[in-house]
Structures are given as C-alpha cells and as structure tokens.
C-alpha cells in the first residue's frame, strides 16, 4: 500500500489522536497552516491554530472592537495545502483581521469569523478580498518563497486574488 504524499505545507500531522475514530464535530487540520501578516511582513506561525501566536501570547481578547481603539492591526490567513496530478498546491486561503494593543495587553478578534475562515480554507475556497493590498503582496511573496512549485501549481483564482497594483 502506498501512502498519500504530503504537500509539505502543514504544521499538524495527519495522525489521528481524536477519540479513536470518532470525528463528529471536529475539523481535520492536516495540511492547514496559519500565516500572520504584520504590514508588509508575512510569516508562518505555528501558534495561530491554538491562538498562541507570538503576538497573541499574554493578550486578553475582547469581543468588541471598540475596546481596543489603539490596537495594531494584524491579519491571519489560513492556508490549506493539497496535492493534485501536478503536485502540491495551495488549495484554499482565507483571511481575517485581529487588533492587538501590546501595552494594554488587550486584543480584539471575532473568533467565529476566524473559525469560519479556517473552515473555508479547508473546503478549498479563497476568501482574500478583505485583505489590504500591502498584506496581499506580503502573503503572495511568502507563498512563492515557501514553495514556488506549490505557487505555480495553484489555481489562477488564488493568483488573481493576490495580484497587487504596482
């Protein structure tokens, strides 16, 4: 038996540790990664999936965005990888904002929106229209530098969604 080859873009193993096969109500996070965008810099951050990224640590999150008026805006992009007949590719990507005030140790993010965007990426959808131009450029650069073959194998829909005005 041959195993399915990994796309090389994951942070969580495909091994099941969830209740010995009972998967009702769970998401399979294999081949899903979180990208943290801070202005024109995008980085893979292993902690994003558990809300423990470098910028989220020691932050108390509020449900009201007005509670963090002086916060810095960050973007989280959930990126799913997969493999097709041409090889690995970026199969889904969805962006969502969050705002953090490090000095006040307060932040805002809409957790339901983050979960829905994560689900959209896992379902092979591209939801990047809310991402500002500068952040689109940063994400595009990261995806290409991470694995140019995956970028080249990705659908035009992703490339068009991340096209920036020069």
N, C-alpha and C. Protein backbone atom coordinates (compact mmCIF):
# COMPACT_ATOMS: atom_id res chain seq x y z
N UNK A 1 0.84 -1.18 0.00
CA UNK A 1 0.00 0.00 0.00
C UNK A 1 0.88 1.24 0.00
N UNK A 2 0.52 2.20 -0.81
CA UNK A 2 1.29 3.45 -0.82
C UNK A 2 0.53 4.52 -0.06
N UNK A 3 1.28 5.29 0.68
CA UNK A 3 0.67 6.38 1.43
C UNK A 3 0.54 7.60 0.53
N UNK A 4 -0.47 8.42 0.79
CA UNK A 4 -0.64 9.67 0.07
C UNK A 4 0.53 10.58 0.43
N UNK A 5 1.17 11.15 -0.57
CA UNK A 5 2.30 12.03 -0.32
C UNK A 5 1.82 13.34 0.28
N UNK A 6 2.61 13.84 1.20
CA UNK A 6 2.28 15.09 1.87
C UNK A 6 2.67 16.26 0.98
N UNK A 7 1.90 17.33 1.02
CA UNK A 7 2.17 18.50 0.20
C UNK A 7 3.37 19.28 0.72
N UNK A 8 3.82 19.02 1.94
CA UNK A 8 4.94 19.74 2.50
C UNK A 8 4.56 21.07 3.12
N UNK A 9 3.28 21.35 3.25
CA UNK A 9 2.83 22.63 3.82
C UNK A 9 1.85 22.35 4.93
N UNK A 10 2.35 21.76 6.00
CA UNK A 10 1.46 21.54 7.14
C UNK A 10 2.22 21.70 8.43
N UNK A 11 1.48 21.95 9.46
CA UNK A 11 2.11 22.09 10.76
C UNK A 11 1.59 21.07 11.75
N UNK A 12 0.57 20.32 11.36
CA UNK A 12 -0.01 19.32 12.24
C UNK A 12 -0.06 18.00 11.48
N UNK A 13 0.40 16.97 12.09
CA UNK A 13 0.42 15.67 11.44
C UNK A 13 -0.98 15.17 11.14
N UNK A 14 -1.08 14.29 10.16
CA UNK A 14 -2.35 13.69 9.79
C UNK A 14 -2.73 12.53 10.69
N UNK A 15 -1.89 12.22 11.69
CA UNK A 15 -2.18 11.12 12.60
C UNK A 15 -3.40 11.45 13.45
N UNK A 16 -4.29 10.48 13.57
CA UNK A 16 -5.49 10.70 14.36
C UNK A 16 -5.21 10.42 15.82
N UNK A 17 -5.56 11.37 16.65
CA UNK A 17 -5.48 11.16 18.10
C UNK A 17 -6.81 11.51 18.74
N UNK A 18 -7.83 11.66 17.91
CA UNK A 18 -9.13 12.12 18.41
C UNK A 18 -10.06 10.95 18.64
N UNK A 19 -10.24 10.54 19.87
CA UNK A 19 -11.24 9.56 20.29
C UNK A 19 -11.29 8.30 19.42
N UNK A 20 -10.17 7.84 18.98
CA UNK A 20 -10.09 6.56 18.26
C UNK A 20 -11.10 6.44 17.13
N UNK A 21 -11.23 7.48 16.32
CA UNK A 21 -12.07 7.37 15.13
C UNK A 21 -13.40 8.08 15.19
N UNK A 22 -13.73 8.66 16.31
CA UNK A 22 -14.99 9.40 16.40
C UNK A 22 -14.70 10.86 16.07
N UNK A 23 -15.12 11.28 14.88
CA UNK A 23 -14.73 12.59 14.38
C UNK A 23 -15.89 13.58 14.31
N UNK A 24 -17.02 13.26 14.84
CA UNK A 24 -18.17 14.14 14.75
C UNK A 24 -17.86 15.49 15.37
N UNK A 25 -18.07 16.54 14.58
CA UNK A 25 -17.87 17.89 15.08
C UNK A 25 -16.44 18.35 15.16
N UNK A 26 -15.51 17.60 14.58
CA UNK A 26 -14.11 18.01 14.61
C UNK A 26 -13.65 18.41 13.21
N UNK A 27 -12.63 19.24 13.16
CA UNK A 27 -12.02 19.64 11.90
C UNK A 27 -10.70 18.90 11.75
N UNK A 28 -10.43 18.40 10.57
CA UNK A 28 -9.14 17.78 10.29
C UNK A 28 -8.19 18.90 9.87
N UNK A 29 -7.19 19.15 10.68
CA UNK A 29 -6.28 20.26 10.43
C UNK A 29 -5.02 19.86 9.67
N UNK A 30 -5.02 18.65 9.10
CA UNK A 30 -3.88 18.25 8.28
C UNK A 30 -3.76 19.21 7.11
N UNK A 31 -2.55 19.57 6.81
CA UNK A 31 -2.25 20.45 5.67
C UNK A 31 -2.87 21.83 5.80
N UNK A 32 -3.06 22.30 7.02
CA UNK A 32 -3.53 23.67 7.25
C UNK A 32 -2.45 24.41 8.03
N UNK A 33 -2.14 25.60 7.58
CA UNK A 33 -1.16 26.43 8.27
C UNK A 33 -1.72 27.82 8.48
N UNK A 34 -1.23 28.46 9.50
CA UNK A 34 -1.61 29.84 9.78
C UNK A 34 -0.48 30.78 9.38
N UNK A 35 -0.84 31.85 8.69
CA UNK A 35 0.12 32.87 8.30
C UNK A 35 -0.26 34.15 9.04
N UNK A 36 0.70 34.74 9.72
CA UNK A 36 0.48 36.00 10.42
C UNK A 36 1.08 37.11 9.57
N UNK A 37 0.26 38.12 9.26
CA UNK A 37 0.74 39.24 8.45
C UNK A 37 0.74 40.50 9.31
N UNK A 38 1.90 41.10 9.39
CA UNK A 38 2.12 42.35 10.11
C UNK A 38 2.62 43.36 9.08
N UNK A 39 1.69 44.13 8.51
CA UNK A 39 2.05 45.10 7.48
C UNK A 39 2.54 44.41 6.22
N UNK A 40 3.81 44.62 5.89
CA UNK A 40 4.34 44.01 4.66
C UNK A 40 5.20 42.78 4.95
N UNK A 41 5.04 42.22 6.15
CA UNK A 41 5.79 41.02 6.52
C UNK A 41 4.83 39.89 6.87
N UNK A 42 4.97 38.78 6.18
CA UNK A 42 4.14 37.60 6.44
C UNK A 42 5.04 36.47 6.91
N UNK A 43 4.59 35.76 7.96
CA UNK A 43 5.35 34.64 8.50
C UNK A 43 4.41 33.49 8.84
N UNK A 44 4.92 32.28 8.69
CA UNK A 44 4.19 31.11 9.17
C UNK A 44 4.33 31.12 10.69
N UNK A 45 3.23 30.96 11.38
CA UNK A 45 3.28 30.97 12.84
C UNK A 45 2.53 29.74 13.35
N UNK A 46 3.28 28.81 13.91
CA UNK A 46 2.71 27.55 14.36
C UNK A 46 1.67 27.73 15.47
N UNK A 47 1.74 28.81 16.20
CA UNK A 47 0.83 29.03 17.31
C UNK A 47 -0.54 29.54 16.94
N UNK A 48 -0.73 30.00 15.73
CA UNK A 48 -2.01 30.61 15.35
C UNK A 48 -3.20 29.67 15.52
N UNK A 49 -3.03 28.41 15.20
CA UNK A 49 -4.16 27.48 15.27
C UNK A 49 -4.70 27.37 16.69
N UNK A 50 -3.83 27.54 17.67
CA UNK A 50 -4.25 27.44 19.07
C UNK A 50 -4.33 28.81 19.75
N UNK A 51 -4.37 29.88 18.94
CA UNK A 51 -4.42 31.25 19.46
C UNK A 51 -3.24 31.54 20.39
N UNK A 52 -2.08 30.99 20.05
CA UNK A 52 -0.87 31.19 20.84
C UNK A 52 0.27 31.70 19.97
N UNK A 53 -0.06 32.53 19.00
CA UNK A 53 0.98 33.08 18.13
C UNK A 53 1.84 34.05 18.92
N UNK A 54 2.93 34.49 18.32
CA UNK A 54 3.85 35.39 19.03
C UNK A 54 3.17 36.69 19.45
N UNK A 55 2.18 37.15 18.70
CA UNK A 55 1.51 38.41 19.05
C UNK A 55 0.30 38.20 19.96
N UNK A 56 -0.20 36.97 20.07
CA UNK A 56 -1.39 36.69 20.89
C UNK A 56 -1.08 36.31 22.34
N UNK A 57 0.16 35.93 22.60
CA UNK A 57 0.52 35.49 23.95
C UNK A 57 0.33 36.62 24.96
N UNK A 58 -0.25 36.26 26.10
CA UNK A 58 -0.49 37.18 27.22
C UNK A 58 -1.44 38.32 26.88
N UNK A 59 -2.30 38.10 25.89
CA UNK A 59 -3.29 39.11 25.49
C UNK A 59 -4.67 38.62 25.89
N UNK A 60 -5.46 39.50 26.50
CA UNK A 60 -6.86 39.19 26.81
C UNK A 60 -7.69 39.74 25.66
N UNK A 61 -8.44 38.86 25.01
CA UNK A 61 -9.23 39.26 23.85
C UNK A 61 -10.63 39.68 24.25
N UNK A 62 -11.08 40.74 23.63
CA UNK A 62 -12.41 41.30 23.83
C UNK A 62 -13.25 40.99 22.60
N UNK A 63 -14.57 40.96 22.78
CA UNK A 63 -15.46 40.71 21.65
C UNK A 63 -15.86 42.00 20.93
N UNK A 64 -15.61 43.14 21.56
CA UNK A 64 -15.97 44.43 20.99
C UNK A 64 -14.73 45.12 20.42
N UNK A 65 -14.70 45.39 19.11
CA UNK A 65 -13.52 46.04 18.53
C UNK A 65 -13.26 47.43 19.11
N UNK A 66 -14.29 48.09 19.61
CA UNK A 66 -14.12 49.43 20.20
C UNK A 66 -13.34 49.36 21.52
N UNK A 67 -13.22 48.18 22.09
CA UNK A 67 -12.47 48.02 23.34
C UNK A 67 -10.97 48.11 23.12
N UNK A 68 -10.54 48.08 21.86
CA UNK A 68 -9.11 48.14 21.53
C UNK A 68 -8.91 49.21 20.45
N UNK A 69 -9.20 50.47 20.77
CA UNK A 69 -9.14 51.52 19.75
C UNK A 69 -7.73 51.82 19.25
N UNK A 70 -6.74 51.65 20.10
CA UNK A 70 -5.36 51.97 19.71
C UNK A 70 -4.56 50.74 19.33
N UNK A 71 -5.24 49.66 19.03
CA UNK A 71 -4.54 48.42 18.71
C UNK A 71 -3.94 48.43 17.32
N UNK A 72 -2.93 47.61 17.15
CA UNK A 72 -2.28 47.43 15.86
C UNK A 72 -3.02 46.33 15.12
N UNK A 73 -3.26 46.54 13.82
CA UNK A 73 -3.99 45.54 13.04
C UNK A 73 -3.02 44.49 12.49
N UNK A 74 -3.41 43.24 12.68
CA UNK A 74 -2.71 42.10 12.11
C UNK A 74 -3.73 41.33 11.28
N UNK A 75 -3.23 40.54 10.34
CA UNK A 75 -4.10 39.66 9.57
C UNK A 75 -3.64 38.23 9.75
N UNK A 76 -4.60 37.35 9.91
CA UNK A 76 -4.36 35.91 9.96
C UNK A 76 -4.91 35.34 8.67
N UNK A 77 -4.10 34.55 7.98
CA UNK A 77 -4.56 33.88 6.77
C UNK A 77 -4.40 32.39 6.98
N UNK A 78 -5.50 31.69 6.86
CA UNK A 78 -5.48 30.23 6.96
C UNK A 78 -5.23 29.70 5.56
N UNK A 79 -4.20 28.87 5.41
CA UNK A 79 -3.81 28.35 4.10
C UNK A 79 -3.82 26.83 4.15
N UNK A 80 -4.57 26.24 3.23
CA UNK A 80 -4.62 24.77 3.13
C UNK A 80 -3.81 24.33 1.93
N UNK A 81 -3.05 23.28 2.12
CA UNK A 81 -2.28 22.70 1.03
C UNK A 81 -2.87 21.36 0.64
N UNK A 82 -2.68 21.00 -0.62
CA UNK A 82 -3.16 19.71 -1.11
C UNK A 82 -2.27 19.28 -2.26
N UNK A 83 -2.58 18.16 -2.84
CA UNK A 83 -1.80 17.62 -3.95
C UNK A 83 -2.76 17.20 -5.05
N UNK A 84 -2.40 17.53 -6.29
CA UNK A 84 -3.17 17.07 -7.45
C UNK A 84 -2.21 16.37 -8.42
N UNK A 85 -2.66 16.16 -9.65
CA UNK A 85 -1.84 15.44 -10.62
C UNK A 85 -0.54 16.16 -10.96
N UNK A 86 -0.47 17.46 -10.70
CA UNK A 86 0.73 18.24 -10.99
C UNK A 86 1.65 18.36 -9.78
N UNK A 87 1.18 17.94 -8.62
CA UNK A 87 1.97 18.03 -7.40
C UNK A 87 1.27 18.87 -6.35
N UNK A 88 2.00 19.32 -5.34
CA UNK A 88 1.39 20.10 -4.26
C UNK A 88 0.97 21.49 -4.74
N UNK A 89 -0.07 22.02 -4.09
CA UNK A 89 -0.54 23.37 -4.43
C UNK A 89 -1.25 23.97 -3.23
N UNK A 90 -1.42 25.28 -3.27
CA UNK A 90 -2.17 25.99 -2.23
C UNK A 90 -3.64 25.88 -2.58
N UNK A 91 -4.36 25.06 -1.83
CA UNK A 91 -5.72 24.66 -2.19
C UNK A 91 -6.80 25.59 -1.65
N UNK A 92 -6.52 26.32 -0.60
CA UNK A 92 -7.51 27.23 -0.02
C UNK A 92 -6.80 28.27 0.83
N UNK A 93 -7.38 29.45 0.90
CA UNK A 93 -6.81 30.51 1.73
C UNK A 93 -7.90 31.49 2.11
N UNK A 94 -7.95 31.86 3.38
CA UNK A 94 -8.96 32.80 3.85
C UNK A 94 -8.36 33.69 4.93
N UNK A 95 -8.66 34.98 4.83
CA UNK A 95 -8.06 35.97 5.72
C UNK A 95 -9.05 36.53 6.73
N UNK A 96 -8.54 36.89 7.90
CA UNK A 96 -9.36 37.55 8.92
C UNK A 96 -8.47 38.47 9.76
N UNK A 97 -9.03 39.60 10.18
CA UNK A 97 -8.25 40.57 10.94
C UNK A 97 -8.27 40.32 12.44
N UNK A 98 -7.31 40.90 13.11
CA UNK A 98 -7.34 41.00 14.56
C UNK A 98 -6.57 42.26 14.94
N UNK A 99 -6.88 42.80 16.09
CA UNK A 99 -6.27 44.05 16.56
C UNK A 99 -5.72 43.81 17.95
N UNK A 100 -4.46 44.24 18.16
CA UNK A 100 -3.81 43.99 19.45
C UNK A 100 -3.10 45.25 19.94
N UNK A 101 -3.33 45.56 21.22
CA UNK A 101 -2.61 46.62 21.90
C UNK A 101 -1.70 45.94 22.92
N UNK A 102 -0.41 45.83 22.59
CA UNK A 102 0.55 45.11 23.44
C UNK A 102 0.70 45.78 24.81
N UNK A 103 0.74 47.11 24.83
CA UNK A 103 0.93 47.82 26.10
C UNK A 103 -0.22 47.56 27.06
N UNK A 104 -1.44 47.62 26.54
CA UNK A 104 -2.62 47.38 27.38
C UNK A 104 -2.91 45.89 27.56
N UNK A 105 -2.20 45.05 26.81
CA UNK A 105 -2.40 43.60 26.83
C UNK A 105 -3.85 43.22 26.52
N UNK A 106 -4.42 43.95 25.56
CA UNK A 106 -5.80 43.70 25.12
C UNK A 106 -5.80 43.50 23.61
N UNK A 107 -6.75 42.70 23.17
CA UNK A 107 -6.88 42.47 21.74
C UNK A 107 -8.32 42.23 21.36
N UNK A 108 -8.56 42.29 20.07
CA UNK A 108 -9.90 42.00 19.54
C UNK A 108 -9.74 41.08 18.34
N UNK A 109 -10.59 40.09 18.31
CA UNK A 109 -10.78 39.27 17.11
C UNK A 109 -12.13 38.61 17.22
N UNK A 110 -12.72 38.38 16.08
CA UNK A 110 -14.02 37.72 16.03
C UNK A 110 -13.73 36.22 15.87
N UNK A 111 -13.78 35.50 16.96
CA UNK A 111 -13.42 34.09 16.95
C UNK A 111 -14.27 33.28 15.98
N UNK A 112 -15.56 33.56 15.92
CA UNK A 112 -16.43 32.83 14.99
C UNK A 112 -16.00 33.07 13.55
N UNK A 113 -15.61 34.29 13.23
CA UNK A 113 -15.14 34.60 11.87
C UNK A 113 -13.84 33.85 11.57
N UNK A 114 -12.94 33.78 12.55
CA UNK A 114 -11.69 33.04 12.35
C UNK A 114 -11.97 31.57 12.08
N UNK A 115 -12.88 30.98 12.84
CA UNK A 115 -13.23 29.57 12.64
C UNK A 115 -13.89 29.36 11.28
N UNK A 116 -14.78 30.26 10.89
CA UNK A 116 -15.44 30.14 9.58
C UNK A 116 -14.44 30.29 8.45
N UNK A 117 -13.47 31.19 8.59
CA UNK A 117 -12.46 31.36 7.55
C UNK A 117 -11.53 30.14 7.50
N UNK A 118 -11.22 29.57 8.64
CA UNK A 118 -10.42 28.35 8.68
C UNK A 118 -11.16 27.23 7.94
N UNK A 119 -12.45 27.13 8.20
CA UNK A 119 -13.29 26.13 7.54
C UNK A 119 -13.32 26.36 6.03
N UNK A 120 -13.42 27.62 5.61
CA UNK A 120 -13.44 27.94 4.18
C UNK A 120 -12.14 27.50 3.51
N UNK A 121 -11.01 27.76 4.15
CA UNK A 121 -9.72 27.34 3.58
C UNK A 121 -9.65 25.82 3.48
N UNK A 122 -10.13 25.13 4.52
CA UNK A 122 -10.14 23.66 4.49
C UNK A 122 -11.04 23.12 3.39
N UNK A 123 -12.08 23.88 3.05
CA UNK A 123 -13.01 23.47 1.99
C UNK A 123 -12.56 23.95 0.62
N UNK A 124 -11.29 24.36 0.53
CA UNK A 124 -10.65 24.72 -0.74
C UNK A 124 -11.25 25.98 -1.37
N UNK A 125 -11.54 26.97 -0.52
CA UNK A 125 -12.06 28.25 -1.01
C UNK A 125 -11.00 29.32 -0.79
N UNK A 126 -11.07 30.36 -1.61
CA UNK A 126 -10.18 31.50 -1.47
C UNK A 126 -11.02 32.70 -1.07
N UNK A 127 -10.81 33.19 0.14
CA UNK A 127 -11.53 34.36 0.65
C UNK A 127 -10.50 35.39 1.11
N UNK A 128 -10.05 36.17 0.14
CA UNK A 128 -8.98 37.12 0.40
C UNK A 128 -9.34 38.55 0.01
N UNK A 129 -10.59 38.78 -0.33
CA UNK A 129 -10.98 40.10 -0.84
C UNK A 129 -10.87 41.21 0.21
N UNK A 130 -10.96 40.89 1.49
CA UNK A 130 -10.86 41.91 2.54
C UNK A 130 -9.41 42.28 2.87
N UNK A 131 -8.48 41.47 2.41
CA UNK A 131 -7.06 41.69 2.70
C UNK A 131 -6.56 42.93 1.96
N UNK A 132 -5.97 43.90 2.68
CA UNK A 132 -5.45 45.11 2.01
C UNK A 132 -4.32 44.78 1.03
N UNK A 133 -4.07 45.70 0.10
CA UNK A 133 -3.07 45.48 -0.96
C UNK A 133 -1.69 45.13 -0.42
N UNK A 134 -1.21 45.88 0.55
CA UNK A 134 0.13 45.63 1.09
C UNK A 134 0.22 44.23 1.68
N UNK A 135 -0.80 43.81 2.39
CA UNK A 135 -0.82 42.49 3.00
C UNK A 135 -0.94 41.39 1.95
N UNK A 136 -1.68 41.66 0.86
CA UNK A 136 -1.75 40.70 -0.25
C UNK A 136 -0.36 40.46 -0.82
N UNK A 137 0.38 41.53 -1.01
CA UNK A 137 1.74 41.41 -1.53
C UNK A 137 2.63 40.60 -0.61
N UNK A 138 2.49 40.81 0.70
CA UNK A 138 3.29 40.06 1.67
C UNK A 138 2.95 38.58 1.64
N UNK A 139 1.65 38.27 1.55
CA UNK A 139 1.22 36.87 1.50
C UNK A 139 1.71 36.21 0.22
N UNK A 140 1.55 36.90 -0.90
CA UNK A 140 2.00 36.37 -2.19
C UNK A 140 3.49 36.04 -2.13
N UNK A 141 4.28 36.98 -1.62
CA UNK A 141 5.74 36.78 -1.51
C UNK A 141 6.05 35.56 -0.65
N UNK A 142 5.39 35.44 0.50
CA UNK A 142 5.64 34.30 1.39
C UNK A 142 5.30 32.97 0.71
N UNK A 143 4.14 32.91 0.05
CA UNK A 143 3.72 31.66 -0.59
C UNK A 143 4.69 31.25 -1.69
N UNK A 144 5.17 32.21 -2.46
CA UNK A 144 6.13 31.91 -3.52
C UNK A 144 7.46 31.46 -2.92
N UNK A 145 7.95 32.20 -1.93
CA UNK A 145 9.24 31.86 -1.31
C UNK A 145 9.18 30.55 -0.54
N UNK A 146 8.02 30.24 0.06
CA UNK A 146 7.88 28.99 0.80
C UNK A 146 8.03 27.79 -0.12
N UNK A 147 7.37 27.83 -1.28
CA UNK A 147 7.45 26.72 -2.22
C UNK A 147 6.94 27.19 -3.58
N UNK A 148 7.86 27.52 -4.45
CA UNK A 148 7.49 28.07 -5.76
C UNK A 148 6.69 27.06 -6.59
N UNK A 149 6.99 25.77 -6.44
CA UNK A 149 6.24 24.75 -7.18
C UNK A 149 4.78 24.76 -6.75
N UNK A 150 4.53 24.88 -5.45
CA UNK A 150 3.14 24.93 -4.97
C UNK A 150 2.44 26.15 -5.55
N UNK A 151 3.13 27.29 -5.59
CA UNK A 151 2.55 28.51 -6.15
C UNK A 151 2.22 28.29 -7.63
N UNK A 152 3.16 27.73 -8.38
CA UNK A 152 2.95 27.51 -9.81
C UNK A 152 1.82 26.53 -10.08
N UNK A 153 1.63 25.55 -9.19
CA UNK A 153 0.56 24.56 -9.36
C UNK A 153 -0.80 25.06 -8.88
N UNK A 154 -0.82 26.19 -8.19
CA UNK A 154 -2.06 26.71 -7.62
C UNK A 154 -2.96 27.30 -8.70
N UNK A 155 -4.27 27.28 -8.47
CA UNK A 155 -5.21 27.81 -9.46
C UNK A 155 -5.03 29.31 -9.69
N UNK A 156 -5.43 29.75 -10.87
CA UNK A 156 -5.38 31.17 -11.20
C UNK A 156 -6.22 32.00 -10.24
N UNK A 157 -7.26 31.40 -9.68
CA UNK A 157 -8.11 32.12 -8.73
C UNK A 157 -7.30 32.69 -7.57
N UNK A 158 -6.36 31.91 -7.05
CA UNK A 158 -5.51 32.39 -5.96
C UNK A 158 -4.57 33.49 -6.45
N UNK A 159 -3.96 33.27 -7.60
CA UNK A 159 -3.00 34.25 -8.13
C UNK A 159 -3.69 35.57 -8.43
N UNK A 160 -4.91 35.51 -8.94
CA UNK A 160 -5.67 36.74 -9.22
C UNK A 160 -6.09 37.42 -7.92
N UNK A 161 -6.45 36.63 -6.91
CA UNK A 161 -6.86 37.21 -5.63
C UNK A 161 -5.70 37.94 -4.95
N UNK A 162 -4.47 37.51 -5.23
CA UNK A 162 -3.30 38.12 -4.61
C UNK A 162 -2.55 39.06 -5.54
N UNK A 163 -3.11 39.30 -6.71
CA UNK A 163 -2.48 40.26 -7.63
C UNK A 163 -2.59 41.65 -7.00
N UNK A 164 -1.49 42.37 -7.02
CA UNK A 164 -1.49 43.71 -6.43
C UNK A 164 -1.20 44.74 -7.51
N UNK A 165 -1.69 45.95 -7.28
CA UNK A 165 -1.41 47.05 -8.21
C UNK A 165 0.01 47.52 -7.95
N UNK A 166 0.74 47.73 -9.02
CA UNK A 166 2.15 48.14 -8.86
C UNK A 166 2.32 49.60 -9.11
